Amino acid sequence: MKKYQYLLAALFGLLFTGVVLAQRPATAQPTPAQRPAATQPTPTTSTPAASTNVNLPISKMAVIYTDLFLDPKNGIAKFNIVVTKLNSEFQKLKDELTQMQTRAQTLESEISKLRSAPAGTPIDQKSIETKTDQLEQLKKDIQRKGEDAQAAYNRRRQELFTPLQDEIGKALEAFAKARNINVIIDGAQVPLLYAAEATDITRAFITEFNSKNPVTASTTPPQ
């Protein structure tokens, strides 16, 4: 049976691009050759190509670790509200699966004990067969119920989290634009060889988002 997922592990990366143009130094223009004396034939000359200025982009880059959004104490408060609601909706189903798993373990122990009885001990083969059949059916039920529960959990998780993810995405874009940040890399999704601490905007963004989006009774996700 697949393990029942109790906590959300959904992370998303965001990338915002933009450029500030910088002027490249102009190419030096050749000095035209001096016109020869009138007595000499005038050589054919070509007009020098006009110089062009090419703008180069200058980017300000930052790093964010979106996995920290889910930190129960220091993460985005709205995430904790949604996680709590999601888990509460599936708590009963989780308890049912746990009880079924416990029953399966009990049957396995009973069957093992009967089969390992000392030589000469009367063994009820019918009882072993019955328990074995019960265990096999229970395993199938656990697998089917677990798969259905996982699918339902994933659907509900998407329903609850998509609006919040969109809200956070817009807030992060506004955060970046206000600070002239051109590119944000999600360090939780992209392996980084090195990133200076000064480039990490995770804590600053979480603090600003929580202050602008306080958790109140009205922020509880809809049923």
Protein backbone atom coordinates (compact mmCIF):
# COMPACT_ATOMS: atom_id res chain seq x y z
CA MET A 1 0.00 0.00 0.00
CA LYS A 2 1.24 3.44 -0.84
CA LYS A 3 1.91 5.53 2.20
CA TYR A 4 -0.77 8.09 2.94
CA GLN A 5 0.64 11.59 2.54
CA TYR A 6 -0.26 13.68 5.56
CA LEU A 7 1.68 16.85 4.93
CA LEU A 8 1.81 18.93 1.78
CA ALA A 9 5.01 18.97 -0.19
CA ALA A 10 4.08 21.23 -3.08
CA LEU A 11 6.65 23.76 -4.11
CA PHE A 12 6.66 26.04 -7.03
CA GLY A 13 9.26 28.09 -8.73
CA LEU A 14 8.82 31.58 -10.07
CA LEU A 15 10.96 33.42 -12.60
CA PHE A 16 10.62 37.08 -13.44
CA THR A 17 12.67 38.57 -16.22
CA GLY A 18 13.40 42.06 -17.36
CA VAL A 19 16.34 44.14 -18.49
CA VAL A 20 17.85 47.54 -17.88
CA LEU A 21 19.79 48.65 -20.92
CA ALA A 22 23.36 49.90 -20.71
CA GLN A 23 25.10 51.70 -23.54
CA ARG A 24 28.16 50.14 -25.10
CA PRO A 25 30.93 52.64 -26.00
CA ALA A 26 30.68 53.84 -29.57
CA THR A 27 33.01 52.28 -32.12
CA ALA A 28 35.75 54.69 -33.20
CA GLN A 29 35.06 56.06 -36.68
CA PRO A 30 37.94 55.98 -39.18
CA THR A 31 39.37 59.36 -40.18
CA PRO A 32 38.80 60.01 -43.93
CA ALA A 33 41.99 60.07 -45.98
CA GLN A 34 43.26 63.53 -47.14
CA ARG A 35 42.05 64.46 -50.62
CA PRO A 36 44.93 64.22 -53.17
CA ALA A 37 46.16 67.23 -55.17
CA ALA A 38 44.02 68.29 -58.17
CA THR A 39 46.72 67.21 -60.62
CA GLN A 40 46.39 63.64 -59.48
CA PRO A 41 43.45 61.40 -60.38
CA THR A 42 40.90 61.17 -57.60
CA PRO A 43 40.82 57.63 -56.18
CA THR A 44 37.46 56.03 -55.57
CA THR A 45 36.65 56.01 -51.85
CA SER A 46 33.88 54.28 -49.92
CA THR A 47 31.85 55.95 -47.21
CA PRO A 48 32.79 54.60 -43.76
CA ALA A 49 30.03 52.53 -42.16
CA ALA A 50 28.05 54.49 -39.61
CA SER A 51 28.83 53.46 -36.04
CA THR A 52 26.06 51.87 -34.01
CA ASN A 53 25.41 51.70 -30.28
CA VAL A 54 24.36 48.28 -28.93
CA ASN A 55 22.56 48.14 -25.60
CA LEU A 56 23.61 45.46 -23.16
CA PRO A 57 21.27 44.20 -20.42
CA ILE A 58 22.11 44.62 -16.77
CA SER A 59 20.30 42.20 -14.46
CA LYS A 60 19.77 42.20 -10.72
CA MET A 61 19.32 38.65 -9.50
CA ALA A 62 17.94 37.22 -6.24
CA VAL A 63 17.39 33.78 -4.71
CA ILE A 64 14.33 32.54 -2.85
CA TYR A 65 13.65 29.20 -1.13
CA THR A 66 9.97 28.44 -1.56
CA ASP A 67 10.09 25.32 0.62
CA LEU A 68 10.37 27.65 3.61
CA PHE A 69 6.91 29.03 2.78
CA LEU A 70 5.53 25.90 4.47
CA ASP A 71 7.47 26.33 7.71
CA PRO A 72 4.80 26.05 10.47
CA LYS A 73 6.38 28.80 12.60
CA ASN A 74 8.23 31.10 10.23
CA GLY A 75 6.58 30.44 6.88
CA ILE A 76 3.63 32.03 5.11
CA ALA A 77 0.76 31.98 7.57
CA LYS A 78 -1.91 31.38 4.94
CA PHE A 79 -0.19 28.14 3.94
CA ASN A 80 -0.57 26.82 7.46
CA ILE A 81 -4.29 27.62 7.38
CA VAL A 82 -4.75 25.72 4.13
CA VAL A 83 -2.63 22.75 5.25
CA THR A 84 -4.62 22.48 8.49
CA LYS A 85 -7.91 22.55 6.61
CA LEU A 86 -6.74 20.00 4.06
CA ASN A 87 -5.51 17.55 6.68
CA SER A 88 -8.64 17.96 8.80
CA GLU A 89 -10.82 17.02 5.82
CA PHE A 90 -8.91 13.77 5.35
CA GLN A 91 -8.32 12.91 9.01
CA LYS A 92 -11.25 10.46 9.19
CA LEU A 93 -10.09 8.63 6.07
CA LYS A 94 -6.55 8.52 7.40
CA ASP A 95 -7.79 6.99 10.67
CA GLU A 96 -9.73 4.34 8.75
CA LEU A 97 -6.63 3.38 6.79
CA THR A 98 -4.59 3.23 9.99
CA GLN A 99 -7.14 0.91 11.59
CA MET A 100 -7.12 -1.35 8.53
CA GLN A 101 -3.33 -1.48 8.59
CA THR A 102 -3.37 -2.36 12.29
CA ARG A 103 -5.85 -5.15 11.64
CA ALA A 104 -3.65 -6.52 8.86
CA GLN A 105 -0.63 -6.55 11.15
CA THR A 106 -2.66 -8.40 13.80
CA LEU A 107 -3.74 -11.06 11.32
CA GLU A 108 -0.16 -11.52 10.16
CA SER A 109 0.98 -12.04 13.75
CA GLU A 110 -1.82 -14.54 14.44
CA ILE A 111 -1.04 -16.55 11.30
CA SER A 112 2.69 -16.53 12.05
CA LYS A 113 2.06 -17.69 15.60
CA LEU A 114 -0.15 -20.57 14.47
CA ARG A 115 2.35 -21.69 11.86
CA SER A 116 5.30 -21.56 14.24
CA ALA A 117 3.64 -23.58 17.00
CA PRO A 118 5.85 -26.30 18.54
CA ALA A 119 5.74 -29.72 16.99
CA GLY A 120 2.83 -31.78 18.25
CA THR A 121 0.67 -28.75 18.98
CA PRO A 122 -2.82 -29.19 17.53
CA ILE A 123 -3.21 -26.69 14.67
CA ASP A 124 -6.51 -25.64 13.22
CA GLN A 125 -5.65 -25.54 9.52
CA LYS A 126 -9.11 -24.21 8.71
CA SER A 127 -8.49 -21.24 10.98
CA ILE A 128 -5.16 -20.52 9.29
CA GLU A 129 -6.78 -20.64 5.86
CA THR A 130 -9.59 -18.35 6.98
CA LYS A 131 -7.22 -15.81 8.48
CA THR A 132 -4.99 -15.97 5.40
CA ASP A 133 -7.95 -15.26 3.14
CA GLN A 134 -9.00 -12.38 5.38
CA LEU A 135 -5.49 -10.94 5.28
CA GLU A 136 -5.24 -11.12 1.49
CA GLN A 137 -8.61 -9.42 1.07
CA LEU A 138 -7.69 -6.78 3.64
CA LYS A 139 -4.45 -6.00 1.80
CA LYS A 140 -6.41 -5.48 -1.42
CA ASP A 141 -8.89 -3.23 0.37
CA ILE A 142 -6.08 -1.19 1.90
CA GLN A 143 -4.39 -0.73 -1.46
CA ARG A 144 -7.62 0.28 -3.24
CA LYS A 145 -8.75 2.59 -0.46
CA GLY A 146 -5.28 4.11 -0.17
CA GLU A 147 -5.07 4.83 -3.89
CA ASP A 148 -8.55 6.41 -3.91
CA ALA A 149 -7.64 8.48 -0.87
CA GLN A 150 -4.41 9.67 -2.47
CA ALA A 151 -6.19 10.72 -5.67
CA ALA A 152 -8.88 12.58 -3.71
CA TYR A 153 -6.25 14.24 -1.54
CA ASN A 154 -4.31 15.48 -4.56
CA ARG A 155 -7.43 16.90 -6.21
CA ARG A 156 -8.51 18.72 -3.06
CA ARG A 157 -4.98 19.98 -2.43
CA GLN A 158 -4.91 21.56 -5.88
CA GLU A 159 -8.32 23.16 -5.34
CA LEU A 160 -7.21 24.75 -2.09
CA PHE A 161 -3.67 25.72 -3.00
CA THR A 162 -3.98 27.02 -6.55
CA PRO A 163 -5.63 30.35 -5.55
CA LEU A 164 -3.02 30.89 -2.83
CA GLN A 165 -0.16 30.06 -5.18
CA ASP A 166 -1.51 32.60 -7.67
CA GLU A 167 -1.76 35.21 -4.91
CA ILE A 168 1.80 34.56 -3.78
CA GLY A 169 3.05 34.65 -7.37
CA LYS A 170 1.57 38.12 -7.93
CA ALA A 171 2.92 39.33 -4.60
CA LEU A 172 6.41 38.05 -5.45
CA GLU A 173 6.34 39.78 -8.82
CA ALA A 174 5.34 43.07 -7.16
CA PHE A 175 8.06 42.55 -4.53
CA ALA A 176 10.67 42.09 -7.28
CA LYS A 177 9.57 45.06 -9.37
CA ALA A 178 9.56 47.37 -6.35
CA ARG A 179 13.22 46.50 -5.74
CA ASN A 180 14.36 46.45 -9.38
CA ILE A 181 14.97 42.70 -9.25
CA ASN A 182 15.03 41.26 -12.77
CA VAL A 183 15.44 37.55 -12.05
CA ILE A 184 14.42 35.37 -9.09
CA ILE A 185 15.73 31.81 -8.86
CA ASP A 186 14.00 29.27 -6.63
CA GLY A 187 16.80 27.60 -4.72
CA ALA A 188 14.37 24.86 -3.65
CA GLN A 189 14.00 23.79 -7.28
CA VAL A 190 17.32 24.69 -8.93
CA PRO A 191 20.63 23.32 -7.59
CA LEU A 192 22.93 26.24 -6.72
CA LEU A 193 26.69 25.91 -6.47
CA TYR A 194 26.92 29.18 -4.58
CA ALA A 195 24.64 32.05 -3.62
CA ALA A 196 25.72 34.92 -1.39
CA GLU A 197 23.55 35.42 1.67
CA ALA A 198 22.79 38.95 0.53
CA THR A 199 20.92 37.59 -2.51
CA ASP A 200 18.46 35.56 -0.39
CA ILE A 201 15.11 37.38 -0.25
CA THR A 202 13.11 34.54 1.34
CA ARG A 203 12.72 35.97 4.84
CA ALA A 204 12.09 39.51 3.59
CA PHE A 205 9.35 38.34 1.23
CA ILE A 206 7.64 36.11 3.80
CA THR A 207 7.64 38.95 6.33
CA GLU A 208 6.17 41.41 3.84
CA PHE A 209 3.54 38.97 2.57
CA ASN A 210 2.38 38.08 6.08
CA SER A 211 2.17 41.74 7.06
CA LYS A 212 0.08 42.60 4.00
CA ASN A 213 -2.03 39.44 4.21
CA PRO A 214 -2.76 38.82 7.90
CA VAL A 215 -4.53 35.61 8.83
CA THR A 216 -8.04 36.22 10.11
CA ALA A 217 -11.27 34.25 10.31
CA SER A 218 -12.16 35.55 6.87
CA THR A 219 -9.01 34.03 5.32
CA THR A 220 -10.12 30.48 6.02
CA PRO A 221 -10.44 28.66 2.66
CA PRO A 222 -13.99 27.97 1.46
CA GLN A 223 -15.54 24.56 2.05
